[in-house]
């Protein structure tokens, strides 16, 4: 399994970016509107870590890994068959790929297809 995108949702974006930058020697870019205004830094695996603020008052703080998959529809179907709640169906982000979010238990997970 390869994590393609690690999403951190926090009200303290600048503080979280500073901690991760200092601890891991990475540089975070400017907010990316295509990723909910997340500030991103490259992962050694070729993926990204993105840190963003909640997009609405009801969105809770979360750390959500998105595993890279070759068939997002099949992966989502398998998650739902295993009892997961589909929180966001597959959606293409132009130039970035397709993502989906599911919740299993109380843990958020994501899939990403390039």
PDB file of N, CA and C in Angstrom:
ATOM      1  N   UNK A   1       0.841  -1.173   0.000  1.00  0.00           N
ATOM      2  CA  UNK A   1       0.000   0.000   0.000  1.00  0.00           C
ATOM      3  C   UNK A   1       0.890   1.241   0.000  1.00  0.00           C
ATOM      4  N   UNK A   2       0.484   2.217  -0.785  1.00  0.00           N
ATOM      5  CA  UNK A   2       1.215   3.474  -0.857  1.00  0.00           C
ATOM      6  C   UNK A   2       0.255   4.609  -0.515  1.00  0.00           C
ATOM      7  N   UNK A   3       0.651   5.451   0.428  1.00  0.00           N
ATOM      8  CA  UNK A   3      -0.144   6.631   0.744  1.00  0.00           C
ATOM      9  C   UNK A   3       0.191   7.691  -0.297  1.00  0.00           C
ATOM     10  N   UNK A   4      -0.841   8.111  -1.031  1.00  0.00           N
ATOM     11  CA  UNK A   4      -0.646   9.119  -2.067  1.00  0.00           C
ATOM     12  C   UNK A   4      -0.847  10.523  -1.515  1.00  0.00           C
ATOM     13  N   UNK A   5      -1.792  10.653  -0.577  1.00  0.00           N
ATOM     14  CA  UNK A   5      -2.087  11.966  -0.015  1.00  0.00           C
ATOM     15  C   UNK A   5      -2.420  11.793   1.457  1.00  0.00           C
ATOM     16  N   UNK A   6      -1.781  12.556   2.302  1.00  0.00           N
ATOM     17  CA  UNK A   6      -2.069  12.563   3.726  1.00  0.00           C
ATOM     18  C   UNK A   6      -2.665  13.921   4.035  1.00  0.00           C
ATOM     19  N   UNK A   7      -3.940  13.917   4.433  1.00  0.00           N
ATOM     20  CA  UNK A   7      -4.669  15.168   4.672  1.00  0.00           C
ATOM     21  C   UNK A   7      -4.804  15.414   6.161  1.00  0.00           C
ATOM     22  N   UNK A   8      -4.427  16.606   6.585  1.00  0.00           N
ATOM     23  CA  UNK A   8      -4.557  17.017   7.979  1.00  0.00           C
ATOM     24  C   UNK A   8      -5.466  18.235   7.991  1.00  0.00           C
ATOM     25  N   UNK A   9      -6.589  18.124   8.691  1.00  0.00           N
ATOM     26  CA  UNK A   9      -7.545  19.226   8.800  1.00  0.00           C
ATOM     27  C   UNK A   9      -7.442  19.765  10.223  1.00  0.00           C
ATOM     28  N   UNK A  10      -7.077  21.021  10.342  1.00  0.00           N
ATOM     29  CA  UNK A  10      -6.849  21.639  11.645  1.00  0.00           C
ATOM     30  C   UNK A  10      -7.145  23.137  11.563  1.00  0.00           C
ATOM     31  N   UNK A  11      -7.611  23.728  12.653  1.00  0.00           N
ATOM     32  CA  UNK A  11      -7.808  25.181  12.620  1.00  0.00           C
ATOM     33  C   UNK A  11      -6.484  25.950  12.675  1.00  0.00           C
ATOM     34  N   UNK A  12      -5.388  25.284  13.049  1.00  0.00           N
ATOM     35  CA  UNK A  12      -4.083  25.939  13.129  1.00  0.00           C
ATOM     36  C   UNK A  12      -3.174  25.461  11.996  1.00  0.00           C
ATOM     37  N   UNK A  13      -3.486  25.884  10.790  1.00  0.00           N
ATOM     38  CA  UNK A  13      -2.726  25.455   9.608  1.00  0.00           C
ATOM     39  C   UNK A  13      -1.272  25.902   9.701  1.00  0.00           C
ATOM     40  N   UNK A  14      -1.041  27.167  10.031  1.00  0.00           N
ATOM     41  CA  UNK A  14       0.331  27.667  10.080  1.00  0.00           C
ATOM     42  C   UNK A  14       1.156  26.932  11.134  1.00  0.00           C
ATOM     43  N   UNK A  15       0.568  26.672  12.299  1.00  0.00           N
ATOM     44  CA  UNK A  15       1.286  25.963  13.353  1.00  0.00           C
ATOM     45  C   UNK A  15       1.626  24.542  12.943  1.00  0.00           C
ATOM     46  N   UNK A  16       0.654  23.841  12.338  1.00  0.00           N
ATOM     47  CA  UNK A  16       0.904  22.462  11.904  1.00  0.00           C
ATOM     48  C   UNK A  16       1.969  22.428  10.814  1.00  0.00           C
ATOM     49  N   UNK A  17       1.897  23.359   9.864  1.00  0.00           N
ATOM     50  CA  UNK A  17       2.919  23.409   8.804  1.00  0.00           C
ATOM     51  C   UNK A  17       4.296  23.649   9.406  1.00  0.00           C
ATOM     52  N   UNK A  18       4.381  24.539  10.392  1.00  0.00           N
ATOM     53  CA  UNK A  18       5.670  24.834  11.023  1.00  0.00           C
ATOM     54  C   UNK A  18       6.234  23.598  11.720  1.00  0.00           C
ATOM     55  N   UNK A  19       5.382  22.848  12.424  1.00  0.00           N
ATOM     56  CA  UNK A  19       5.835  21.643  13.132  1.00  0.00           C
ATOM     57  C   UNK A  19       6.350  20.608  12.138  1.00  0.00           C
ATOM     58  N   UNK A  20       5.560  20.308  11.101  1.00  0.00           N
ATOM     59  CA  UNK A  20       5.963  19.293  10.126  1.00  0.00           C
ATOM     60  C   UNK A  20       7.189  19.740   9.324  1.00  0.00           C
ATOM     61  N   UNK A  21       7.272  21.011   9.006  1.00  0.00           N
ATOM     62  CA  UNK A  21       8.431  21.517   8.266  1.00  0.00           C
ATOM     63  C   UNK A  21       9.704  21.356   9.100  1.00  0.00           C
ATOM     64  N   UNK A  22       9.637  21.717  10.370  1.00  0.00           N
ATOM     65  CA  UNK A  22      10.808  21.612  11.246  1.00  0.00           C
ATOM     66  C   UNK A  22      11.177  20.164  11.512  1.00  0.00           C
ATOM     67  N   UNK A  23      10.189  19.319  11.739  1.00  0.00           N
ATOM     68  CA  UNK A  23      10.460  17.924  12.093  1.00  0.00           C
ATOM     69  C   UNK A  23      10.945  17.089  10.918  1.00  0.00           C
ATOM     70  N   UNK A  24      10.499  17.449   9.711  1.00  0.00           N
ATOM     71  CA  UNK A  24      10.793  16.605   8.548  1.00  0.00           C
ATOM     72  C   UNK A  24      11.590  17.301   7.458  1.00  0.00           C
ATOM     73  N   UNK A  25      11.938  18.564   7.661  1.00  0.00           N
ATOM     74  CA  UNK A  25      12.748  19.276   6.680  1.00  0.00           C
ATOM     75  C   UNK A  25      12.056  19.482   5.342  1.00  0.00           C
ATOM     76  N   UNK A  26      10.741  19.688   5.376  1.00  0.00           N
ATOM     77  CA  UNK A  26       9.982  19.911   4.145  1.00  0.00           C
ATOM     78  C   UNK A  26       9.522  21.356   4.079  1.00  0.00           C
ATOM     79  N   UNK A  27       9.126  21.769   2.890  1.00  0.00           N
ATOM     80  CA  UNK A  27       8.615  23.120   2.673  1.00  0.00           C
ATOM     81  C   UNK A  27       7.185  23.033   2.169  1.00  0.00           C
ATOM     82  N   UNK A  28       6.296  23.764   2.796  1.00  0.00           N
ATOM     83  CA  UNK A  28       4.897  23.800   2.388  1.00  0.00           C
ATOM     84  C   UNK A  28       4.669  24.968   1.440  1.00  0.00           C
ATOM     85  N   UNK A  29       3.887  24.697   0.392  1.00  0.00           N
ATOM     86  CA  UNK A  29       3.584  25.716  -0.588  1.00  0.00           C
ATOM     87  C   UNK A  29       2.410  26.584  -0.170  1.00  0.00           C
ATOM     88  N   UNK A  30       1.994  27.420  -1.100  1.00  0.00           N
ATOM     89  CA  UNK A  30       0.835  28.277  -0.894  1.00  0.00           C
ATOM     90  C   UNK A  30      -0.438  27.430  -0.944  1.00  0.00           C
ATOM     91  N   UNK A  31      -1.554  27.933  -0.411  1.00  0.00           N
ATOM     92  CA  UNK A  31      -2.814  27.183  -0.449  1.00  0.00           C
ATOM     93  C   UNK A  31      -3.197  26.776  -1.875  1.00  0.00           C
ATOM     94  N   UNK A  32      -3.626  25.529  -2.014  1.00  0.00           N
ATOM     95  CA  UNK A  32      -4.035  24.970  -3.314  1.00  0.00           C
ATOM     96  C   UNK A  32      -5.562  24.878  -3.340  1.00  0.00           C
ATOM     97  N   UNK A  33      -6.217  25.738  -4.137  1.00  0.00           N
ATOM     98  CA  UNK A  33      -7.678  25.723  -4.188  1.00  0.00           C
ATOM     99  C   UNK A  33      -8.258  24.362  -4.595  1.00  0.00           C
ATOM    100  N   UNK A  34      -7.540  23.596  -5.407  1.00  0.00           N
ATOM    101  CA  UNK A  34      -8.013  22.288  -5.839  1.00  0.00           C
ATOM    102  C   UNK A  34      -8.029  21.253  -4.728  1.00  0.00           C
ATOM    103  N   UNK A  35      -7.337  21.545  -3.632  1.00  0.00           N
ATOM    104  CA  UNK A  35      -7.281  20.632  -2.484  1.00  0.00           C
ATOM    105  C   UNK A  35      -7.839  21.299  -1.230  1.00  0.00           C
ATOM    106  N   UNK A  36      -8.880  22.089  -1.408  1.00  0.00           N
ATOM    107  CA  UNK A  36      -9.526  22.738  -0.263  1.00  0.00           C
ATOM    108  C   UNK A  36      -8.660  23.788   0.394  1.00  0.00           C
ATOM    109  N   UNK A  37      -7.766  24.407  -0.382  1.00  0.00           N
ATOM    110  CA  UNK A  37      -6.804  25.401   0.104  1.00  0.00           C
ATOM    111  C   UNK A  37      -5.762  24.815   1.042  1.00  0.00           C
ATOM    112  N   UNK A  38      -5.491  23.514   0.875  1.00  0.00           N
ATOM    113  CA  UNK A  38      -4.437  22.888   1.671  1.00  0.00           C
ATOM    114  C   UNK A  38      -3.078  23.429   1.236  1.00  0.00           C
ATOM    115  N   UNK A  39      -2.208  23.608   2.193  1.00  0.00           N
ATOM    116  CA  UNK A  39      -0.799  23.888   1.905  1.00  0.00           C
ATOM    117  C   UNK A  39      -0.131  22.521   1.846  1.00  0.00           C
ATOM    118  N   UNK A  40       0.603  22.245   0.781  1.00  0.00           N
ATOM    119  CA  UNK A  40       1.149  20.902   0.581  1.00  0.00           C
ATOM    120  C   UNK A  40       2.673  20.880   0.578  1.00  0.00           C
ATOM    121  N   UNK A  41       3.181  19.701   0.936  1.00  0.00           N
ATOM    122  CA  UNK A  41       4.613  19.407   0.856  1.00  0.00           C
ATOM    123  C   UNK A  41       4.742  18.002   0.288  1.00  0.00           C
ATOM    124  N   UNK A  42       5.823  17.754  -0.403  1.00  0.00           N
ATOM    125  CA  UNK A  42       6.057  16.447  -1.030  1.00  0.00           C
ATOM    126  C   UNK A  42       6.465  15.401  -0.005  1.00  0.00           C
ATOM    127  N   UNK A  43       5.944  14.174  -0.202  1.00  0.00           N
ATOM    128  CA  UNK A  43       6.357  13.020   0.582  1.00  0.00           C
ATOM    129  C   UNK A  43       7.493  12.308  -0.163  1.00  0.00           C
ATOM    130  N   UNK A  44       8.345  11.611   0.536  1.00  0.00           N
ATOM    131  CA  UNK A  44       9.447  10.882  -0.096  1.00  0.00           C
ATOM    132  C   UNK A  44       8.929   9.845  -1.091  1.00  0.00           C
ATOM    133  N   UNK A  45       7.712   9.341  -0.863  1.00  0.00           N
ATOM    134  CA  UNK A  45       7.121   8.326  -1.745  1.00  0.00           C
ATOM    135  C   UNK A  45       6.621   8.897  -3.062  1.00  0.00           C
ATOM    136  N   UNK A  46       6.624  10.220  -3.181  1.00  0.00           N
ATOM    137  CA  UNK A  46       6.108  10.868  -4.387  1.00  0.00           C
ATOM    138  C   UNK A  46       4.732  11.461  -4.193  1.00  0.00           C
ATOM    139  N   UNK A  47       4.096  11.179  -3.068  1.00  0.00           N
ATOM    140  CA  UNK A  47       2.785  11.741  -2.771  1.00  0.00           C
ATOM    141  C   UNK A  47       2.913  13.097  -2.101  1.00  0.00           C
ATOM    142  N   UNK A  48       1.825  13.509  -1.458  1.00  0.00           N
ATOM    143  CA  UNK A  48       1.782  14.812  -0.802  1.00  0.00           C
ATOM    144  C   UNK A  48       1.198  14.698   0.595  1.00  0.00           C
ATOM    145  N   UNK A  49       1.595  15.612   1.471  1.00  0.00           N
ATOM    146  CA  UNK A  49       0.885  15.855   2.713  1.00  0.00           C
ATOM    147  C   UNK A  49       0.257  17.236   2.548  1.00  0.00           C
ATOM    148  N   UNK A  50      -1.026  17.342   2.880  1.00  0.00           N
ATOM    149  CA  UNK A  50      -1.733  18.611   2.772  1.00  0.00           C
ATOM    150  C   UNK A  50      -2.329  18.991   4.108  1.00  0.00           C
ATOM    151  N   UNK A  51      -2.120  20.233   4.505  1.00  0.00           N
ATOM    152  CA  UNK A  51      -2.668  20.732   5.762  1.00  0.00           C
ATOM    153  C   UNK A  51      -3.599  21.883   5.421  1.00  0.00           C
ATOM    154  N   UNK A  52      -4.854  21.740   5.876  1.00  0.00           N
ATOM    155  CA  UNK A  52      -5.847  22.767   5.568  1.00  0.00           C
ATOM    156  C   UNK A  52      -6.766  22.994   6.756  1.00  0.00           C
ATOM    157  N   UNK A  53      -7.463  24.110   6.716  1.00  0.00           N
ATOM    158  CA  UNK A  53      -8.463  24.434   7.723  1.00  0.00           C
ATOM    159  C   UNK A  53      -9.770  23.726   7.380  1.00  0.00           C
ATOM    160  N   UNK A  54     -10.642  23.534   8.363  1.00  0.00           N
ATOM    161  CA  UNK A  54     -11.964  22.996   8.051  1.00  0.00           C
ATOM    162  C   UNK A  54     -12.656  23.881   7.007  1.00  0.00           C
ATOM    163  N   UNK A  55     -13.406  23.246   6.093  1.00  0.00           N
ATOM    164  CA  UNK A  55     -14.059  24.001   5.025  1.00  0.00           C
ATOM    165  C   UNK A  55     -15.438  24.501   5.427  1.00  0.00           C
ATOM    166  N   UNK A  56     -15.961  24.044   6.565  1.00  0.00           N
ATOM    167  CA  UNK A  56     -17.240  24.536   7.082  1.00  0.00           C
ATOM    168  C   UNK A  56     -17.271  24.249   8.582  1.00  0.00           C
ATOM    169  N   UNK A  57     -18.197  24.886   9.295  1.00  0.00           N
ATOM    170  CA  UNK A  57     -18.230  24.781  10.758  1.00  0.00           C
ATOM    171  C   UNK A  57     -18.435  23.361  11.272  1.00  0.00           C
ATOM    172  N   UNK A  58     -19.113  22.518  10.496  1.00  0.00           N
ATOM    173  CA  UNK A  58     -19.395  21.153  10.954  1.00  0.00           C
ATOM    174  C   UNK A  58     -18.226  20.191  10.715  1.00  0.00           C
ATOM    175  N   UNK A  59     -17.239  20.603   9.914  1.00  0.00           N
ATOM    176  CA  UNK A  59     -16.115  19.695   9.624  1.00  0.00           C
ATOM    177  C   UNK A  59     -15.196  19.605  10.831  1.00  0.00           C
ATOM    178  N   UNK A  60     -14.941  18.384  11.253  1.00  0.00           N
ATOM    179  CA  UNK A  60     -14.092  18.152  12.414  1.00  0.00           C
ATOM    180  C   UNK A  60     -12.631  18.027  12.006  1.00  0.00           C
ATOM    181  N   UNK A  61     -11.756  18.210  12.989  1.00  0.00           N
ATOM    182  CA  UNK A  61     -10.339  18.005  12.753  1.00  0.00           C
ATOM    183  C   UNK A  61     -10.107  16.523  12.489  1.00  0.00           C
ATOM    184  N   UNK A  62      -9.234  16.213  11.547  1.00  0.00           N
ATOM    185  CA  UNK A  62      -9.006  14.826  11.171  1.00  0.00           C
ATOM    186  C   UNK A  62      -7.639  14.690  10.507  1.00  0.00           C
ATOM    187  N   UNK A  63      -7.068  13.513  10.628  1.00  0.00           N
ATOM    188  CA  UNK A  63      -5.898  13.126   9.835  1.00  0.00           C
ATOM    189  C   UNK A  63      -6.381  11.960   8.990  1.00  0.00           C
ATOM    190  N   UNK A  64      -6.352  12.138   7.663  1.00  0.00           N
ATOM    191  CA  UNK A  64      -6.954  11.159   6.754  1.00  0.00           C
ATOM    192  C   UNK A  64      -5.940  10.732   5.698  1.00  0.00           C
ATOM    193  N   UNK A  65      -5.503   9.457   5.742  1.00  0.00           N
ATOM    194  CA  UNK A  65      -4.616   8.957   4.683  1.00  0.00           C
ATOM    195  C   UNK A  65      -5.437   8.520   3.467  1.00  0.00           C
ATOM    196  N   UNK A  66      -4.949   8.812   2.289  1.00  0.00           N
ATOM    197  CA  UNK A  66      -5.550   8.372   1.030  1.00  0.00           C
ATOM    198  C   UNK A  66      -4.597   7.373   0.385  1.00  0.00           C
ATOM    199  N   UNK A  67      -5.021   6.117   0.338  1.00  0.00           N
ATOM    200  CA  UNK A  67      -4.202   5.068  -0.266  1.00  0.00           C
ATOM    201  C   UNK A  67      -4.384   5.092  -1.781  1.00  0.00           C
ATOM    202  N   UNK A  68      -3.292   4.935  -2.488  1.00  0.00           N
ATOM    203  CA  UNK A  68      -3.313   4.887  -3.946  1.00  0.00           C
ATOM    204  C   UNK A  68      -3.909   3.551  -4.390  1.00  0.00           C
ATOM    205  N   UNK A  69      -4.903   3.605  -5.286  1.00  0.00           N
ATOM    206  CA  UNK A  69      -5.534   2.398  -5.818  1.00  0.00           C
ATOM    207  C   UNK A  69      -5.588   2.493  -7.337  1.00  0.00           C
ATOM    208  N   UNK A  70      -5.687   1.340  -7.992  1.00  0.00           N
ATOM    209  CA  UNK A  70      -5.765   1.335  -9.459  1.00  0.00           C
ATOM    210  C   UNK A  70      -7.200   1.373  -9.955  1.00  0.00           C
ATOM    211  N   UNK A  71      -8.160   0.964  -9.116  1.00  0.00           N
ATOM    212  CA  UNK A  71      -9.576   0.963  -9.496  1.00  0.00           C
ATOM    213  C   UNK A  71     -10.382   1.491  -8.315  1.00  0.00           C
ATOM    214  N   UNK A  72     -10.645   2.787  -8.319  1.00  0.00           N
ATOM    215  CA  UNK A  72     -11.298   3.416  -7.167  1.00  0.00           C
ATOM    216  C   UNK A  72     -12.723   2.915  -6.967  1.00  0.00           C
ATOM    217  N   UNK A  73     -13.433   2.619  -8.050  1.00  0.00           N
ATOM    218  CA  UNK A  73     -14.808   2.123  -7.923  1.00  0.00           C
ATOM    219  C   UNK A  73     -14.819   0.770  -7.208  1.00  0.00           C
ATOM    220  N   UNK A  74     -13.908  -0.127  -7.577  1.00  0.00           N
ATOM    221  CA  UNK A  74     -13.823  -1.438  -6.923  1.00  0.00           C
ATOM    222  C   UNK A  74     -13.383  -1.294  -5.467  1.00  0.00           C
ATOM    223  N   UNK A  75     -12.448  -0.397  -5.202  1.00  0.00           N
ATOM    224  CA  UNK A  75     -11.974  -0.198  -3.834  1.00  0.00           C
ATOM    225  C   UNK A  75     -13.088   0.345  -2.944  1.00  0.00           C
ATOM    226  N   UNK A  76     -13.865   1.299  -3.460  1.00  0.00           N
ATOM    227  CA  UNK A  76     -14.991   1.853  -2.703  1.00  0.00           C
ATOM    228  C   UNK A  76     -16.039   0.767  -2.455  1.00  0.00           C
ATOM    229  N   UNK A  77     -16.335  -0.015  -3.475  1.00  0.00           N
ATOM    230  CA  UNK A  77     -17.315  -1.097  -3.321  1.00  0.00           C
ATOM    231  C   UNK A  77     -16.869  -2.083  -2.248  1.00  0.00           C
ATOM    232  N   UNK A  78     -15.593  -2.405  -2.205  1.00  0.00           N
ATOM    233  CA  UNK A  78     -15.070  -3.327  -1.197  1.00  0.00           C
ATOM    234  C   UNK A  78     -15.182  -2.724   0.205  1.00  0.00           C
ATOM    235  N   UNK A  79     -14.903  -1.424   0.313  1.00  0.00           N
ATOM    236  CA  UNK A  79     -15.011  -0.762   1.619  1.00  0.00           C
ATOM    237  C   UNK A  79     -16.455  -0.771   2.118  1.00  0.00           C
ATOM    238  N   UNK A  80     -17.385  -0.444   1.233  1.00  0.00           N
ATOM    239  CA  UNK A  80     -18.804  -0.428   1.603  1.00  0.00           C
ATOM    240  C   UNK A  80     -19.274  -1.842   1.958  1.00  0.00           C
ATOM    241  N   UNK A  81     -18.831  -2.829   1.199  1.00  0.00           N
ATOM    242  CA  UNK A  81     -19.198  -4.220   1.492  1.00  0.00           C
ATOM    243  C   UNK A  81     -18.667  -4.666   2.849  1.00  0.00           C
ATOM    244  N   UNK A  82     -17.565  -4.059   3.288  1.00  0.00           N
ATOM    245  CA  UNK A  82     -16.983  -4.394   4.584  1.00  0.00           C
ATOM    246  C   UNK A  82     -17.631  -3.610   5.728  1.00  0.00           C
ATOM    247  N   UNK A  83     -18.632  -2.789   5.392  1.00  0.00           N
ATOM    248  CA  UNK A  83     -19.352  -2.052   6.430  1.00  0.00           C
ATOM    249  C   UNK A  83     -19.019  -0.584   6.540  1.00  0.00           C
ATOM    250  N   UNK A  84     -18.194  -0.068   5.644  1.00  0.00           N
ATOM    251  CA  UNK A  84     -17.829   1.350   5.699  1.00  0.00           C
ATOM    252  C   UNK A  84     -18.988   2.222   5.231  1.00  0.00           C
ATOM    253  N   UNK A  85     -19.026   3.430   5.764  1.00  0.00           N
ATOM    254  CA  UNK A  85     -19.971   4.460   5.324  1.00  0.00           C
ATOM    255  C   UNK A  85     -19.255   5.324   4.289  1.00  0.00           C
ATOM    256  N   UNK A  86     -19.851   5.487   3.127  1.00  0.00           N
ATOM    257  CA  UNK A  86     -19.257   6.329   2.095  1.00  0.00           C
ATOM    258  C   UNK A  86     -19.529   7.788   2.448  1.00  0.00           C
ATOM    259  N   UNK A  87     -18.483   8.523   2.769  1.00  0.00           N
ATOM    260  CA  UNK A  87     -18.618   9.928   3.149  1.00  0.00           C
ATOM    261  C   UNK A  87     -18.553  10.850   1.934  1.00  0.00           C
ATOM    262  N   UNK A  88     -17.795  10.447   0.913  1.00  0.00           N
ATOM    263  CA  UNK A  88     -17.701  11.227  -0.331  1.00  0.00           C
ATOM    264  C   UNK A  88     -17.450  10.259  -1.470  1.00  0.00           C
ATOM    265  N   UNK A  89     -18.357  10.209  -2.439  1.00  0.00           N
ATOM    266  CA  UNK A  89     -18.163   9.295  -3.565  1.00  0.00           C
ATOM    267  C   UNK A  89     -16.984   9.737  -4.423  1.00  0.00           C
ATOM    268  N   UNK A  90     -16.496   8.873  -5.282  1.00  0.00           N
ATOM    269  CA  UNK A  90     -15.371   9.243  -6.143  1.00  0.00           C
ATOM    270  C   UNK A  90     -15.646  10.554  -6.892  1.00  0.00           C
ATOM    271  N   UNK A  91     -14.665  11.433  -6.836  1.00  0.00           N
ATOM    272  CA  UNK A  91     -14.747  12.736  -7.493  1.00  0.00           C
ATOM    273  C   UNK A  91     -13.395  13.053  -8.104  1.00  0.00           C
ATOM    274  N   UNK A  92     -13.405  13.423  -9.360  1.00  0.00           N
ATOM    275  CA  UNK A  92     -12.157  13.789 -10.036  1.00  0.00           C
ATOM    276  C   UNK A  92     -11.805  15.239  -9.728  1.00  0.00           C
ATOM    277  N   UNK A  93     -10.540  15.454  -9.386  1.00  0.00           N
ATOM    278  CA  UNK A  93      -9.990  16.793  -9.252  1.00  0.00           C
ATOM    279  C   UNK A  93      -9.113  16.988 -10.486  1.00  0.00           C
ATOM    280  N   UNK A  94      -9.493  17.870 -11.382  1.00  0.00           N
ATOM    281  CA  UNK A  94      -8.736  18.027 -12.626  1.00  0.00           C
ATOM    282  C   UNK A  94      -7.230  18.185 -12.390  1.00  0.00           C
ATOM    283  N   UNK A  95      -6.476  17.348 -13.084  1.00  0.00           N
ATOM    284  CA  UNK A  95      -5.024  17.390 -13.005  1.00  0.00           C
ATOM    285  C   UNK A  95      -4.422  16.694 -11.791  1.00  0.00           C
ATOM    286  N   UNK A  96      -5.264  16.178 -10.891  1.00  0.00           N
ATOM    287  CA  UNK A  96      -4.742  15.568  -9.665  1.00  0.00           C
ATOM    288  C   UNK A  96      -5.182  14.119  -9.481  1.00  0.00           C
ATOM    289  N   UNK A  97      -6.279  13.706 -10.104  1.00  0.00           N
ATOM    290  CA  UNK A  97      -6.784  12.347  -9.955  1.00  0.00           C
ATOM    291  C   UNK A  97      -8.167  12.338  -9.353  1.00  0.00           C
ATOM    292  N   UNK A  98      -8.585  11.154  -8.899  1.00  0.00           N
ATOM    293  CA  UNK A  98      -9.915  10.955  -8.341  1.00  0.00           C
ATOM    294  C   UNK A  98      -9.781  10.458  -6.909  1.00  0.00           C
ATOM    295  N   UNK A  99     -10.581  11.036  -6.009  1.00  0.00           N
ATOM    296  CA  UNK A  99     -10.531  10.616  -4.615  1.00  0.00           C
ATOM    297  C   UNK A  99     -11.907  10.182  -4.143  1.00  0.00           C
ATOM    298  N   UNK A 100     -11.936   9.439  -3.048  1.00  0.00           N
ATOM    299  CA  UNK A 100     -13.159   9.067  -2.348  1.00  0.00           C
ATOM    300  C   UNK A 100     -12.824   8.982  -0.863  1.00  0.00           C
ATOM    301  N   UNK A 101     -13.834   9.227  -0.023  1.00  0.00           N
ATOM    302  CA  UNK A 101     -13.646   9.173   1.425  1.00  0.00           C
ATOM    303  C   UNK A 101     -14.666   8.210   2.018  1.00  0.00           C
ATOM    304  N   UNK A 102     -14.199   7.366   2.939  1.00  0.00           N
ATOM    305  CA  UNK A 102     -15.113   6.498   3.655  1.00  0.00           C
ATOM    306  C   UNK A 102     -14.751   6.482   5.132  1.00  0.00           C
ATOM    307  N   UNK A 103     -15.750   6.103   5.941  1.00  0.00           N
ATOM    308  CA  UNK A 103     -15.566   6.034   7.388  1.00  0.00           C
ATOM    309  C   UNK A 103     -15.861   4.605   7.818  1.00  0.00           C
ATOM    310  N   UNK A 104     -14.921   4.024   8.500  1.00  0.00           N
ATOM    311  CA  UNK A 104     -15.076   2.668   9.020  1.00  0.00           C
ATOM    312  C   UNK A 104     -14.865   2.749  10.523  1.00  0.00           C
ATOM    313  N   UNK A 105     -15.898   2.376  11.288  1.00  0.00           N
ATOM    314  CA  UNK A 105     -15.868   2.667  12.718  1.00  0.00           C
ATOM    315  C   UNK A 105     -16.006   4.175  12.830  1.00  0.00           C
ATOM    316  N   UNK A 106     -15.074   4.803  13.478  1.00  0.00           N
ATOM    317  CA  UNK A 106     -15.064   6.266  13.534  1.00  0.00           C
ATOM    318  C   UNK A 106     -13.829   6.826  12.846  1.00  0.00           C
ATOM    319  N   UNK A 107     -13.130   5.981  12.099  1.00  0.00           N
ATOM    320  CA  UNK A 107     -11.889   6.386  11.463  1.00  0.00           C
ATOM    321  C   UNK A 107     -12.124   6.742  10.005  1.00  0.00           C
ATOM    322  N   UNK A 108     -11.609   7.898   9.606  1.00  0.00           N
ATOM    323  CA  UNK A 108     -11.712   8.348   8.222  1.00  0.00           C
ATOM    324  C   UNK A 108     -10.573   7.751   7.392  1.00  0.00           C
ATOM    325  N   UNK A 109     -10.906   7.358   6.162  1.00  0.00           N
ATOM    326  CA  UNK A 109      -9.937   6.823   5.225  1.00  0.00           C
ATOM    327  C   UNK A 109     -10.241   7.410   3.849  1.00  0.00           C
ATOM    328  N   UNK A 110      -9.283   7.339   2.965  1.00  0.00           N
ATOM    329  CA  UNK A 110      -9.530   7.772   1.598  1.00  0.00           C
ATOM    330  C   UNK A 110      -8.818   6.877   0.605  1.00  0.00           C
ATOM    331  N   UNK A 111      -9.344   6.886  -0.616  1.00  0.00           N
ATOM    332  CA  UNK A 111      -8.687   6.247  -1.750  1.00  0.00           C
ATOM    333  C   UNK A 111      -8.367   7.335  -2.766  1.00  0.00           C
ATOM    334  N   UNK A 112      -7.300   7.113  -3.539  1.00  0.00           N
ATOM    335  CA  UNK A 112      -6.890   8.056  -4.581  1.00  0.00           C
ATOM    336  C   UNK A 112      -6.482   7.247  -5.803  1.00  0.00           C
ATOM    337  N   UNK A 113      -7.020   7.620  -6.949  1.00  0.00           N
ATOM    338  CA  UNK A 113      -6.637   6.971  -8.217  1.00  0.00           C
ATOM    339  C   UNK A 113      -6.101   8.042  -9.147  1.00  0.00           C
ATOM    340  N   UNK A 114      -4.939   7.771  -9.705  1.00  0.00           N
ATOM    341  CA  UNK A 114      -4.329   8.721 -10.652  1.00  0.00           C
ATOM    342  C   UNK A 114      -4.837   8.473 -12.054  1.00  0.00           C
TER     343      UNK A 114
END
